[in-house]
Amino acid sequence: MSITGSYIIYGVGCVLLAGAVLYLRSLYSEIAALRVLAYRDPVTGLLNRNGLDHFWTKYKGKENLAVLNLDLDCFKEINDTYGHQAGDQLLWEVSRYLEQLTNKNQLAFRIGGDEFLFIMKNCDPNQVKIMAGLLLGQISRPYYIAGKDMSITGSIGISICQGHRAERTRMMQEADAAMYHAKRLGKNRYCVFGERVLPEDLVQSNPGVNKPWRQTQFNLR
């Protein structure tokens, strides 16, 4: 084979290799984009139910775990009054506050409608309660959407478990039950599943709302 022929073959090989690399990079980018679409909520950008499934699949039960179920109070009235576009914008704004508090041990999810989950790893009960109060304080700030001043509060139910005892279905049910208990007690507060009710429930005032958020602890065990 002549030197010229060798150069031609070498050149063709380089072109094919470069093309293969570009194709693989493009394919990887598409897969990454699809993964984002699969695991992210399109309205808020937070992790969705698929992301939640992925978390539980990867969770090995080595760290203490807390599940905080956050439900916005009276969100339906805002949707009905100002329309779904304004409602979606409010969900997006609330999600930005939740996102600010996320890290490798704190994850935020939107699991449907006006319901969110906040999962904490490597945490103790006091840290979880502080976080619940912080979440309520963050989301209850005033909003200006579609030319209107709006405000919203939330109710949070909490389930806390040692890592080796953490079980998805039970913790989700406990957090859900605690959240509904918080709503029955007047909303704009958090409840911890499995702890007795405390008489001192007024703990902090937040600007921008008519009443302070409250904590309540109750025993359903």
N, C-alpha and C. Protein backbone atom coordinates (compact mmCIF):
# COMPACT_ATOMS: atom_id res chain seq x y z
N MET A 1 0.85 -1.19 0.00
CA MET A 1 0.00 0.00 0.00
C MET A 1 0.88 1.24 0.00
N SER A 2 0.53 2.23 -0.78
CA SER A 2 1.32 3.45 -0.88
C SER A 2 1.15 4.30 0.37
N ILE A 3 2.09 5.23 0.54
CA ILE A 3 2.00 6.14 1.69
C ILE A 3 0.74 6.98 1.59
N THR A 4 0.41 7.38 0.36
CA THR A 4 -0.81 8.19 0.16
C THR A 4 -2.06 7.44 0.61
N GLY A 5 -2.10 6.14 0.23
CA GLY A 5 -3.25 5.32 0.62
C GLY A 5 -3.34 5.17 2.13
N SER A 6 -2.20 5.03 2.79
CA SER A 6 -2.20 4.90 4.24
C SER A 6 -2.74 6.16 4.90
N TYR A 7 -2.34 7.32 4.36
CA TYR A 7 -2.82 8.58 4.91
C TYR A 7 -4.34 8.72 4.74
N ILE A 8 -4.81 8.23 3.58
CA ILE A 8 -6.25 8.31 3.33
C ILE A 8 -7.02 7.46 4.33
N ILE A 9 -6.54 6.22 4.54
CA ILE A 9 -7.20 5.33 5.49
C ILE A 9 -7.14 5.92 6.90
N TYR A 10 -5.98 6.49 7.25
CA TYR A 10 -5.83 7.09 8.57
C TYR A 10 -6.79 8.26 8.74
N GLY A 11 -6.90 9.07 7.68
CA GLY A 11 -7.79 10.21 7.74
C GLY A 11 -9.24 9.80 7.89
N VAL A 12 -9.64 8.76 7.11
CA VAL A 12 -11.01 8.26 7.20
C VAL A 12 -11.28 7.73 8.60
N GLY A 13 -10.28 7.02 9.15
CA GLY A 13 -10.44 6.48 10.50
C GLY A 13 -10.62 7.57 11.53
N CYS A 14 -9.84 8.65 11.39
CA CYS A 14 -9.97 9.77 12.32
C CYS A 14 -11.34 10.42 12.22
N VAL A 15 -11.82 10.57 10.99
CA VAL A 15 -13.15 11.16 10.80
C VAL A 15 -14.22 10.29 11.43
N LEU A 16 -14.13 8.97 11.20
CA LEU A 16 -15.11 8.05 11.79
C LEU A 16 -15.06 8.07 13.31
N LEU A 17 -13.85 8.11 13.86
CA LEU A 17 -13.70 8.14 15.32
C LEU A 17 -14.27 9.43 15.90
N ALA A 18 -13.97 10.55 15.24
CA ALA A 18 -14.51 11.83 15.70
C ALA A 18 -16.03 11.83 15.64
N GLY A 19 -16.57 11.25 14.55
CA GLY A 19 -18.02 11.16 14.42
C GLY A 19 -18.64 10.31 15.50
N ALA A 20 -17.97 9.18 15.83
CA ALA A 20 -18.48 8.30 16.88
C ALA A 20 -18.47 9.00 18.23
N VAL A 21 -17.40 9.77 18.51
CA VAL A 21 -17.30 10.50 19.78
C VAL A 21 -18.42 11.54 19.88
N LEU A 22 -18.63 12.28 18.79
CA LEU A 22 -19.69 13.29 18.78
C LEU A 22 -21.06 12.65 18.96
N TYR A 23 -21.26 11.50 18.33
CA TYR A 23 -22.54 10.80 18.46
C TYR A 23 -22.77 10.34 19.89
N LEU A 24 -21.72 9.78 20.51
CA LEU A 24 -21.85 9.31 21.89
C LEU A 24 -22.11 10.47 22.85
N ARG A 25 -21.43 11.59 22.60
CA ARG A 25 -21.67 12.76 23.44
C ARG A 25 -23.10 13.26 23.30
N SER A 26 -23.59 13.28 22.06
CA SER A 26 -24.96 13.71 21.82
C SER A 26 -25.95 12.77 22.48
N LEU A 27 -25.66 11.46 22.38
CA LEU A 27 -26.54 10.46 22.98
C LEU A 27 -26.55 10.61 24.49
N TYR A 28 -25.37 10.82 25.07
CA TYR A 28 -25.28 11.00 26.52
C TYR A 28 -26.06 12.23 26.96
N SER A 29 -25.96 13.33 26.20
CA SER A 29 -26.68 14.56 26.53
C SER A 29 -28.19 14.34 26.47
N GLU A 30 -28.63 13.57 25.45
CA GLU A 30 -30.05 13.28 25.33
C GLU A 30 -30.54 12.42 26.49
N ILE A 31 -29.73 11.44 26.88
CA ILE A 31 -30.11 10.58 28.00
C ILE A 31 -30.19 11.39 29.29
N ALA A 32 -29.20 12.30 29.48
CA ALA A 32 -29.21 13.15 30.67
C ALA A 32 -30.43 14.06 30.68
N ALA A 33 -30.79 14.60 29.50
CA ALA A 33 -31.96 15.47 29.41
C ALA A 33 -33.24 14.69 29.71
N LEU A 34 -33.32 13.47 29.20
CA LEU A 34 -34.50 12.63 29.46
C LEU A 34 -34.58 12.27 30.93
N ARG A 35 -33.43 12.06 31.57
CA ARG A 35 -33.41 11.75 32.99
C ARG A 35 -33.95 12.93 33.79
N VAL A 36 -33.56 14.14 33.39
CA VAL A 36 -34.07 15.34 34.07
C VAL A 36 -35.58 15.44 33.90
N LEU A 37 -36.05 15.21 32.66
CA LEU A 37 -37.49 15.27 32.41
C LEU A 37 -38.23 14.20 33.21
N ALA A 38 -37.62 13.05 33.37
CA ALA A 38 -38.27 11.95 34.08
C ALA A 38 -38.35 12.19 35.58
N TYR A 39 -37.34 12.85 36.14
CA TYR A 39 -37.24 12.99 37.59
C TYR A 39 -37.63 14.37 38.10
N ARG A 40 -37.91 15.33 37.20
CA ARG A 40 -38.20 16.70 37.62
C ARG A 40 -39.63 17.09 37.29
N ASP A 41 -40.25 17.81 38.19
CA ASP A 41 -41.59 18.33 37.98
C ASP A 41 -41.54 19.50 37.00
N PRO A 42 -42.36 19.50 35.94
CA PRO A 42 -42.25 20.55 34.92
C PRO A 42 -42.70 21.93 35.40
N VAL A 43 -43.54 22.01 36.41
CA VAL A 43 -44.03 23.31 36.90
C VAL A 43 -43.03 23.96 37.83
N THR A 44 -42.47 23.18 38.76
CA THR A 44 -41.63 23.75 39.82
C THR A 44 -40.14 23.49 39.64
N GLY A 45 -39.79 22.47 38.86
CA GLY A 45 -38.40 22.09 38.73
C GLY A 45 -37.88 21.23 39.86
N LEU A 46 -38.72 20.99 40.87
CA LEU A 46 -38.31 20.11 41.96
C LEU A 46 -38.38 18.64 41.52
N LEU A 47 -37.78 17.78 42.29
CA LEU A 47 -37.92 16.35 42.04
C LEU A 47 -39.39 15.95 42.12
N ASN A 48 -39.79 14.98 41.29
CA ASN A 48 -41.18 14.53 41.26
C ASN A 48 -41.31 13.13 41.87
N ARG A 49 -42.42 12.48 41.62
CA ARG A 49 -42.64 11.14 42.20
C ARG A 49 -41.61 10.13 41.70
N ASN A 50 -41.22 10.25 40.43
CA ASN A 50 -40.16 9.36 39.94
C ASN A 50 -38.85 9.61 40.69
N GLY A 51 -38.57 10.88 40.96
CA GLY A 51 -37.40 11.20 41.76
C GLY A 51 -37.50 10.65 43.16
N LEU A 52 -38.71 10.65 43.71
CA LEU A 52 -38.93 10.08 45.04
C LEU A 52 -38.71 8.57 45.02
N ASP A 53 -39.23 7.91 43.98
CA ASP A 53 -38.99 6.47 43.84
C ASP A 53 -37.50 6.17 43.75
N HIS A 54 -36.80 7.00 43.01
CA HIS A 54 -35.35 6.82 42.84
C HIS A 54 -34.63 6.99 44.18
N PHE A 55 -35.07 7.97 44.97
CA PHE A 55 -34.45 8.17 46.29
C PHE A 55 -34.61 6.92 47.15
N TRP A 56 -35.83 6.39 47.22
CA TRP A 56 -36.06 5.23 48.09
C TRP A 56 -35.33 3.99 47.57
N THR A 57 -35.18 3.89 46.26
CA THR A 57 -34.43 2.77 45.71
C THR A 57 -32.97 2.83 46.12
N LYS A 58 -32.41 4.03 46.16
CA LYS A 58 -30.99 4.20 46.49
C LYS A 58 -30.73 4.25 47.99
N TYR A 59 -31.76 4.56 48.78
CA TYR A 59 -31.55 4.72 50.22
C TYR A 59 -31.24 3.36 50.86
N LYS A 60 -30.13 3.31 51.60
CA LYS A 60 -29.64 2.06 52.17
C LYS A 60 -29.99 1.88 53.65
N GLY A 61 -30.66 2.86 54.24
CA GLY A 61 -31.06 2.73 55.63
C GLY A 61 -29.95 2.93 56.63
N LYS A 62 -28.88 3.61 56.23
CA LYS A 62 -27.76 3.82 57.14
C LYS A 62 -27.89 5.12 57.93
N GLU A 63 -28.61 6.10 57.40
CA GLU A 63 -28.75 7.39 58.07
C GLU A 63 -30.14 7.52 58.68
N ASN A 64 -30.20 8.28 59.80
CA ASN A 64 -31.51 8.65 60.33
C ASN A 64 -32.25 9.45 59.27
N LEU A 65 -33.57 9.32 59.27
CA LEU A 65 -34.35 9.90 58.18
C LEU A 65 -35.57 10.62 58.75
N ALA A 66 -35.92 11.72 58.12
CA ALA A 66 -37.15 12.44 58.44
C ALA A 66 -37.88 12.78 57.16
N VAL A 67 -39.18 12.56 57.16
CA VAL A 67 -40.04 12.91 56.04
C VAL A 67 -40.98 14.02 56.49
N LEU A 68 -40.92 15.15 55.81
CA LEU A 68 -41.80 16.28 56.11
C LEU A 68 -42.78 16.45 54.96
N ASN A 69 -44.05 16.27 55.25
CA ASN A 69 -45.11 16.40 54.25
C ASN A 69 -45.70 17.79 54.36
N LEU A 70 -45.46 18.63 53.35
CA LEU A 70 -45.94 20.01 53.35
C LEU A 70 -47.10 20.15 52.39
N ASP A 71 -48.22 20.65 52.90
CA ASP A 71 -49.39 20.92 52.07
C ASP A 71 -49.75 22.38 52.23
N LEU A 72 -49.91 23.10 51.11
CA LEU A 72 -50.26 24.51 51.18
C LEU A 72 -51.70 24.68 51.62
N ASP A 73 -51.94 25.62 52.51
CA ASP A 73 -53.28 25.86 53.05
C ASP A 73 -54.09 26.73 52.07
N CYS A 74 -55.30 26.28 51.78
CA CYS A 74 -56.25 27.07 50.98
C CYS A 74 -55.73 27.40 49.58
N PHE A 75 -54.91 26.54 49.03
CA PHE A 75 -54.38 26.80 47.68
C PHE A 75 -55.48 26.75 46.63
N LYS A 76 -56.47 25.90 46.83
CA LYS A 76 -57.56 25.78 45.86
C LYS A 76 -58.28 27.12 45.69
N GLU A 77 -58.47 27.85 46.78
CA GLU A 77 -59.14 29.14 46.70
C GLU A 77 -58.34 30.13 45.85
N ILE A 78 -57.01 30.07 45.95
CA ILE A 78 -56.16 30.94 45.13
C ILE A 78 -56.29 30.56 43.66
N ASN A 79 -56.27 29.26 43.39
CA ASN A 79 -56.44 28.78 42.01
C ASN A 79 -57.79 29.22 41.44
N ASP A 80 -58.84 29.06 42.23
CA ASP A 80 -60.19 29.39 41.76
C ASP A 80 -60.35 30.90 41.57
N THR A 81 -59.70 31.69 42.41
CA THR A 81 -59.86 33.14 42.36
C THR A 81 -59.03 33.78 41.26
N TYR A 82 -57.77 33.37 41.15
CA TYR A 82 -56.83 34.04 40.25
C TYR A 82 -56.48 33.22 39.01
N GLY A 83 -56.90 31.97 38.96
CA GLY A 83 -56.64 31.14 37.79
C GLY A 83 -55.44 30.23 37.97
N HIS A 84 -55.39 29.20 37.12
CA HIS A 84 -54.35 28.18 37.26
C HIS A 84 -52.96 28.71 36.93
N GLN A 85 -52.89 29.68 36.03
CA GLN A 85 -51.58 30.24 35.69
C GLN A 85 -50.96 30.93 36.90
N ALA A 86 -51.77 31.70 37.62
CA ALA A 86 -51.29 32.33 38.84
C ALA A 86 -50.96 31.28 39.90
N GLY A 87 -51.78 30.24 39.96
CA GLY A 87 -51.52 29.16 40.91
C GLY A 87 -50.20 28.47 40.63
N ASP A 88 -49.94 28.21 39.35
CA ASP A 88 -48.66 27.58 38.98
C ASP A 88 -47.49 28.49 39.32
N GLN A 89 -47.66 29.80 39.12
CA GLN A 89 -46.60 30.74 39.44
C GLN A 89 -46.32 30.75 40.95
N LEU A 90 -47.39 30.65 41.74
CA LEU A 90 -47.23 30.60 43.19
C LEU A 90 -46.49 29.32 43.60
N LEU A 91 -46.84 28.20 42.97
CA LEU A 91 -46.13 26.95 43.26
C LEU A 91 -44.65 27.07 42.92
N TRP A 92 -44.36 27.74 41.81
CA TRP A 92 -42.96 27.93 41.41
C TRP A 92 -42.23 28.79 42.43
N GLU A 93 -42.88 29.86 42.89
CA GLU A 93 -42.25 30.75 43.87
C GLU A 93 -41.99 30.01 45.18
N VAL A 94 -42.97 29.26 45.65
CA VAL A 94 -42.79 28.48 46.88
C VAL A 94 -41.64 27.49 46.72
N SER A 95 -41.56 26.87 45.56
CA SER A 95 -40.52 25.87 45.31
C SER A 95 -39.12 26.47 45.35
N ARG A 96 -39.00 27.75 44.98
CA ARG A 96 -37.68 28.39 45.04
C ARG A 96 -37.20 28.49 46.49
N TYR A 97 -38.13 28.73 47.41
CA TYR A 97 -37.75 28.78 48.82
C TYR A 97 -37.34 27.40 49.31
N LEU A 98 -38.07 26.37 48.87
CA LEU A 98 -37.70 25.01 49.27
C LEU A 98 -36.34 24.64 48.69
N GLU A 99 -36.12 25.02 47.45
CA GLU A 99 -34.88 24.68 46.77
C GLU A 99 -33.67 25.30 47.47
N GLN A 100 -33.84 26.48 48.04
CA GLN A 100 -32.75 27.15 48.74
C GLN A 100 -32.26 26.35 49.96
N LEU A 101 -33.11 25.47 50.46
CA LEU A 101 -32.77 24.71 51.67
C LEU A 101 -32.28 23.30 51.35
N THR A 102 -32.13 22.97 50.08
CA THR A 102 -31.71 21.63 49.71
C THR A 102 -30.20 21.51 49.67
N ASN A 103 -29.73 20.31 49.94
CA ASN A 103 -28.32 19.95 49.78
C ASN A 103 -28.27 18.43 49.66
N LYS A 104 -27.10 17.84 49.81
CA LYS A 104 -27.00 16.39 49.60
C LYS A 104 -27.78 15.60 50.64
N ASN A 105 -28.07 16.21 51.79
CA ASN A 105 -28.82 15.53 52.84
C ASN A 105 -30.24 16.05 53.00
N GLN A 106 -30.64 17.01 52.19
CA GLN A 106 -31.97 17.59 52.27
C GLN A 106 -32.52 17.75 50.86
N LEU A 107 -33.59 17.01 50.58
CA LEU A 107 -34.15 16.96 49.22
C LEU A 107 -35.60 17.42 49.24
N ALA A 108 -35.99 18.17 48.21
CA ALA A 108 -37.35 18.66 48.09
C ALA A 108 -38.03 18.03 46.88
N PHE A 109 -39.29 17.63 47.06
CA PHE A 109 -40.07 16.97 46.01
C PHE A 109 -41.44 17.64 45.91
N ARG A 110 -41.97 17.72 44.71
CA ARG A 110 -43.39 18.01 44.54
C ARG A 110 -44.05 16.71 44.11
N ILE A 111 -45.00 16.26 44.91
CA ILE A 111 -45.59 14.95 44.63
C ILE A 111 -47.00 15.06 44.08
N GLY A 112 -47.45 16.29 43.83
CA GLY A 112 -48.75 16.46 43.18
C GLY A 112 -49.51 17.63 43.75
N GLY A 113 -50.21 18.37 42.89
CA GLY A 113 -51.04 19.47 43.35
C GLY A 113 -50.24 20.47 44.15
N ASP A 114 -50.70 20.73 45.37
CA ASP A 114 -50.01 21.67 46.26
C ASP A 114 -49.31 20.93 47.40
N GLU A 115 -48.91 19.69 47.13
CA GLU A 115 -48.29 18.86 48.16
C GLU A 115 -46.81 18.63 47.84
N PHE A 116 -45.99 18.85 48.85
CA PHE A 116 -44.55 18.72 48.71
C PHE A 116 -44.01 17.80 49.80
N LEU A 117 -42.88 17.20 49.52
CA LEU A 117 -42.14 16.45 50.54
C LEU A 117 -40.76 17.05 50.69
N PHE A 118 -40.28 17.07 51.92
CA PHE A 118 -38.92 17.47 52.21
C PHE A 118 -38.30 16.35 53.03
N ILE A 119 -37.27 15.71 52.50
CA ILE A 119 -36.64 14.57 53.16
C ILE A 119 -35.27 14.98 53.69
N MET A 120 -35.03 14.66 54.96
CA MET A 120 -33.77 14.98 55.60
C MET A 120 -33.06 13.70 56.02
N LYS A 121 -31.77 13.60 55.70
CA LYS A 121 -30.93 12.50 56.15
C LYS A 121 -29.94 13.01 57.19
N ASN A 122 -29.41 12.06 57.99
CA ASN A 122 -28.41 12.42 59.00
C ASN A 122 -28.91 13.55 59.90
N CYS A 123 -30.10 13.40 60.43
CA CYS A 123 -30.72 14.48 61.20
C CYS A 123 -31.17 13.97 62.56
N ASP A 124 -31.33 14.90 63.49
CA ASP A 124 -31.93 14.56 64.78
C ASP A 124 -33.25 15.31 64.90
N PRO A 125 -34.12 14.94 65.84
CA PRO A 125 -35.45 15.56 65.94
C PRO A 125 -35.42 17.08 66.07
N ASN A 126 -34.47 17.61 66.83
CA ASN A 126 -34.41 19.07 66.97
C ASN A 126 -34.12 19.76 65.65
N GLN A 127 -33.20 19.19 64.87
CA GLN A 127 -32.90 19.76 63.55
C GLN A 127 -34.12 19.74 62.65
N VAL A 128 -34.88 18.65 62.74
CA VAL A 128 -36.08 18.51 61.89
C VAL A 128 -37.11 19.57 62.25
N LYS A 129 -37.31 19.78 63.55
CA LYS A 129 -38.30 20.78 63.99
C LYS A 129 -37.87 22.18 63.59
N ILE A 130 -36.58 22.45 63.71
CA ILE A 130 -36.08 23.76 63.27
C ILE A 130 -36.33 23.95 61.78
N MET A 131 -36.07 22.89 61.00
CA MET A 131 -36.29 22.97 59.56
C MET A 131 -37.77 23.18 59.24
N ALA A 132 -38.66 22.49 59.96
CA ALA A 132 -40.09 22.66 59.72
C ALA A 132 -40.51 24.11 59.96
N GLY A 133 -40.02 24.69 61.06
CA GLY A 133 -40.33 26.09 61.32
C GLY A 133 -39.77 27.01 60.27
N LEU A 134 -38.58 26.71 59.80
CA LEU A 134 -37.96 27.52 58.75
C LEU A 134 -38.75 27.44 57.45
N LEU A 135 -39.19 26.24 57.10
CA LEU A 135 -40.00 26.07 55.89
C LEU A 135 -41.29 26.89 55.98
N LEU A 136 -41.97 26.81 57.10
CA LEU A 136 -43.21 27.56 57.26
C LEU A 136 -42.96 29.06 57.19
N GLY A 137 -41.86 29.49 57.79
CA GLY A 137 -41.53 30.90 57.74
C GLY A 137 -41.19 31.37 56.34
N GLN A 138 -40.48 30.53 55.59
CA GLN A 138 -40.08 30.89 54.23
C GLN A 138 -41.28 31.04 53.30
N ILE A 139 -42.17 30.04 53.32
CA ILE A 139 -43.26 30.06 52.34
C ILE A 139 -44.34 31.08 52.70
N SER A 140 -44.41 31.53 53.95
CA SER A 140 -45.47 32.46 54.33
C SER A 140 -45.13 33.91 54.04
N ARG A 141 -44.05 34.15 53.34
CA ARG A 141 -43.73 35.51 52.92
C ARG A 141 -44.74 35.99 51.88
N PRO A 142 -44.95 37.31 51.77
CA PRO A 142 -45.91 37.81 50.77
C PRO A 142 -45.41 37.60 49.34
N TYR A 143 -46.34 37.41 48.43
CA TYR A 143 -46.02 37.20 47.03
C TYR A 143 -46.75 38.25 46.19
N TYR A 144 -46.15 38.63 45.08
CA TYR A 144 -46.79 39.53 44.12
C TYR A 144 -46.83 38.81 42.78
N ILE A 145 -48.02 38.34 42.42
CA ILE A 145 -48.18 37.50 41.23
C ILE A 145 -49.35 38.02 40.40
N ALA A 146 -49.13 38.14 39.11
CA ALA A 146 -50.18 38.59 38.19
C ALA A 146 -50.81 39.90 38.65
N GLY A 147 -49.97 40.80 39.17
CA GLY A 147 -50.46 42.10 39.61
C GLY A 147 -51.23 42.08 40.91
N LYS A 148 -51.17 40.98 41.64
CA LYS A 148 -51.92 40.84 42.87
C LYS A 148 -50.98 40.49 44.03
N ASP A 149 -51.29 41.03 45.20
CA ASP A 149 -50.60 40.62 46.42
C ASP A 149 -51.26 39.36 46.95
N MET A 150 -50.45 38.35 47.20
CA MET A 150 -50.97 37.07 47.70
C MET A 150 -50.16 36.62 48.90
N SER A 151 -50.79 35.79 49.70
CA SER A 151 -50.07 35.15 50.81
C SER A 151 -50.55 33.72 50.93
N ILE A 152 -49.72 32.89 51.47
CA ILE A 152 -50.05 31.47 51.61
C ILE A 152 -49.38 30.96 52.88
N THR A 153 -49.98 29.99 53.49
CA THR A 153 -49.36 29.31 54.62
C THR A 153 -49.32 27.82 54.31
N GLY A 154 -48.72 27.06 55.18
CA GLY A 154 -48.62 25.63 54.95
C GLY A 154 -48.81 24.84 56.24
N SER A 155 -49.14 23.59 56.08
CA SER A 155 -49.24 22.64 57.19
C SER A 155 -48.26 21.51 56.92
N ILE A 156 -47.50 21.14 57.94
CA ILE A 156 -46.46 20.13 57.78
C ILE A 156 -46.67 18.98 58.75
N GLY A 157 -46.62 17.77 58.23
CA GLY A 157 -46.62 16.57 59.05
C GLY A 157 -45.26 15.90 58.97
N ILE A 158 -44.75 15.42 60.10
CA ILE A 158 -43.39 14.92 60.16
C ILE A 158 -43.36 13.49 60.69
N SER A 159 -42.58 12.66 60.03
CA SER A 159 -42.24 11.32 60.52
C SER A 159 -40.73 11.23 60.62
N ILE A 160 -40.24 10.81 61.79
CA ILE A 160 -38.81 10.69 62.04
C ILE A 160 -38.49 9.26 62.43
N CYS A 161 -37.42 8.72 61.86
CA CYS A 161 -37.11 7.32 62.13
C CYS A 161 -35.60 7.10 62.07
N GLN A 162 -35.12 6.17 62.90
CA GLN A 162 -33.73 5.75 62.79
C GLN A 162 -33.55 5.00 61.48
N GLY A 163 -32.37 5.13 60.90
CA GLY A 163 -32.12 4.60 59.57
C GLY A 163 -32.51 3.16 59.38
N HIS A 164 -32.11 2.28 60.28
CA HIS A 164 -32.36 0.85 60.07
C HIS A 164 -33.84 0.50 60.21
N ARG A 165 -34.65 1.44 60.75
CA ARG A 165 -36.08 1.20 60.90
C ARG A 165 -36.91 1.97 59.87
N ALA A 166 -36.25 2.76 59.05
CA ALA A 166 -36.97 3.59 58.07
C ALA A 166 -37.63 2.71 57.01
N GLU A 167 -38.91 2.91 56.84
CA GLU A 167 -39.67 2.14 55.86
C GLU A 167 -40.60 3.09 55.13
N ARG A 168 -40.52 3.09 53.82
CA ARG A 168 -41.18 4.11 53.01
C ARG A 168 -42.67 4.24 53.31
N THR A 169 -43.41 3.17 53.17
CA THR A 169 -44.86 3.25 53.30
C THR A 169 -45.27 3.78 54.66
N ARG A 170 -44.66 3.26 55.71
CA ARG A 170 -45.02 3.68 57.06
C ARG A 170 -44.70 5.15 57.28
N MET A 171 -43.50 5.59 56.87
CA MET A 171 -43.12 6.97 57.10
C MET A 171 -44.00 7.93 56.30
N MET A 172 -44.33 7.56 55.08
CA MET A 172 -45.20 8.41 54.27
C MET A 172 -46.59 8.51 54.90
N GLN A 173 -47.11 7.40 55.41
CA GLN A 173 -48.42 7.41 56.06
C GLN A 173 -48.40 8.24 57.33
N GLU A 174 -47.33 8.11 58.11
CA GLU A 174 -47.22 8.88 59.34
C GLU A 174 -47.14 10.38 59.06
N ALA A 175 -46.32 10.76 58.10
CA ALA A 175 -46.19 12.17 57.75
C ALA A 175 -47.52 12.72 57.22
N ASP A 176 -48.22 11.92 56.44
CA ASP A 176 -49.51 12.34 55.90
C ASP A 176 -50.53 12.53 57.02
N ALA A 177 -50.58 11.58 57.96
CA ALA A 177 -51.51 11.68 59.09
C ALA A 177 -51.20 12.90 59.94
N ALA A 178 -49.92 13.15 60.18
CA ALA A 178 -49.52 14.30 60.99
C ALA A 178 -49.87 15.61 60.28
N MET A 179 -49.74 15.63 58.97
CA MET A 179 -50.08 16.84 58.21
C MET A 179 -51.56 17.16 58.33
N TYR A 180 -52.42 16.16 58.18
CA TYR A 180 -53.85 16.39 58.30
C TYR A 180 -54.24 16.78 59.72
N HIS A 181 -53.50 16.26 60.71
CA HIS A 181 -53.74 16.67 62.09
C HIS A 181 -53.41 18.15 62.26
N ALA A 182 -52.33 18.60 61.63
CA ALA A 182 -51.96 20.01 61.69
C ALA A 182 -53.06 20.88 61.09
N LYS A 183 -53.65 20.43 60.01
CA LYS A 183 -54.74 21.19 59.38
C LYS A 183 -55.97 21.24 60.30
N ARG A 184 -56.27 20.13 60.94
CA ARG A 184 -57.43 20.11 61.83
C ARG A 184 -57.24 21.05 63.02
N LEU A 185 -55.99 21.24 63.42
CA LEU A 185 -55.71 22.11 64.56
C LEU A 185 -55.67 23.59 64.18
N GLY A 186 -55.90 23.90 62.92
CA GLY A 186 -55.97 25.29 62.53
C GLY A 186 -55.02 25.71 61.43
N LYS A 187 -54.21 24.76 60.90
CA LYS A 187 -53.30 25.02 59.79
C LYS A 187 -52.13 25.91 60.23
N ASN A 188 -51.24 26.19 59.28
CA ASN A 188 -50.11 27.08 59.52
C ASN A 188 -49.27 26.62 60.71
N ARG A 189 -48.98 25.33 60.76
CA ARG A 189 -48.21 24.75 61.86
C ARG A 189 -47.63 23.42 61.41
N TYR A 190 -46.80 22.84 62.26
CA TYR A 190 -46.31 21.49 61.98
C TYR A 190 -46.66 20.57 63.13
N CYS A 191 -46.83 19.29 62.82
CA CYS A 191 -47.07 18.25 63.81
C CYS A 191 -46.07 17.13 63.60
N VAL A 192 -45.58 16.58 64.69
CA VAL A 192 -44.66 15.46 64.65
C VAL A 192 -45.39 14.19 65.05
N PHE A 193 -45.34 13.19 64.22
CA PHE A 193 -46.00 11.92 64.51
C PHE A 193 -45.25 11.20 65.64
N GLY A 194 -46.02 10.73 66.63
CA GLY A 194 -45.44 9.88 67.65
C GLY A 194 -44.97 10.58 68.90
N GLU A 195 -45.28 11.87 69.06
CA GLU A 195 -44.91 12.59 70.27
C GLU A 195 -46.16 13.16 70.90
N ARG A 196 -46.16 13.24 72.25
CA ARG A 196 -47.36 13.72 72.94
C ARG A 196 -47.59 15.20 72.67
N VAL A 197 -48.84 15.63 72.83
CA VAL A 197 -49.18 17.02 72.61
C VAL A 197 -48.55 17.88 73.69
N LEU A 198 -47.98 19.01 73.28
CA LEU A 198 -47.39 19.96 74.22
C LEU A 198 -48.34 21.14 74.42
N PRO A 199 -48.50 21.65 75.62
CA PRO A 199 -49.39 22.80 75.84
C PRO A 199 -48.84 24.09 75.24
N GLU A 200 -47.51 24.23 75.24
CA GLU A 200 -46.92 25.45 74.69
C GLU A 200 -46.72 25.29 73.19
N ASP A 201 -47.71 25.73 72.40
CA ASP A 201 -47.63 25.51 70.95
C ASP A 201 -47.29 26.79 70.21
N LEU A 202 -47.32 27.93 70.86
CA LEU A 202 -46.99 29.18 70.17
C LEU A 202 -45.49 29.41 70.30
N VAL A 203 -44.78 29.37 69.16
CA VAL A 203 -43.33 29.41 69.24
C VAL A 203 -42.69 30.53 68.44
N GLN A 204 -43.36 31.06 67.43
CA GLN A 204 -42.69 32.06 66.61
C GLN A 204 -43.69 32.81 65.76
N SER A 205 -43.44 34.07 65.54
CA SER A 205 -44.27 34.88 64.65
C SER A 205 -43.53 35.11 63.35
N ASN A 206 -44.30 35.16 62.25
CA ASN A 206 -43.72 35.40 60.93
C ASN A 206 -44.36 36.64 60.32
N PRO A 207 -43.56 37.51 59.69
CA PRO A 207 -44.14 38.67 59.01
C PRO A 207 -44.92 38.24 57.78
N GLY A 208 -45.95 39.02 57.47
CA GLY A 208 -46.66 38.78 56.22
C GLY A 208 -47.86 37.87 56.34
N VAL A 209 -48.12 37.33 57.55
CA VAL A 209 -49.30 36.49 57.74
C VAL A 209 -50.05 37.01 58.95
N ASN A 210 -51.31 36.60 59.07
CA ASN A 210 -52.15 37.12 60.14
C ASN A 210 -51.88 36.48 61.49
N LYS A 211 -51.28 35.29 61.48
CA LYS A 211 -51.02 34.61 62.75
C LYS A 211 -49.73 33.83 62.63
N PRO A 212 -49.09 33.59 63.78
CA PRO A 212 -47.83 32.85 63.74
C PRO A 212 -48.05 31.39 63.45
N TRP A 213 -47.01 30.76 62.87
CA TRP A 213 -47.11 29.32 62.70
C TRP A 213 -46.94 28.67 64.06
N ARG A 214 -47.49 27.51 64.20
CA ARG A 214 -47.47 26.83 65.49
C ARG A 214 -46.94 25.41 65.32
N GLN A 215 -46.41 24.89 66.42
CA GLN A 215 -45.99 23.49 66.41
C GLN A 215 -46.90 22.70 67.34
N THR A 216 -47.22 21.52 66.97
CA THR A 216 -47.98 20.60 67.82
C THR A 216 -47.40 19.22 67.64
N GLN A 217 -47.33 18.50 68.73
CA GLN A 217 -46.80 17.14 68.69
C GLN A 217 -47.89 16.22 69.23
N PHE A 218 -48.11 15.10 68.58
CA PHE A 218 -49.21 14.25 69.02
C PHE A 218 -48.84 12.79 68.92
N ASN A 219 -49.58 12.00 69.64
CA ASN A 219 -49.27 10.58 69.74
C ASN A 219 -50.32 9.76 69.02
N LEU A 220 -49.90 9.07 67.97
CA LEU A 220 -50.81 8.16 67.26
C LEU A 220 -50.34 6.72 67.37
N ARG A 221 -49.32 6.47 68.15
CA ARG A 221 -48.78 5.10 68.22
C ARG A 221 -49.60 4.24 69.17
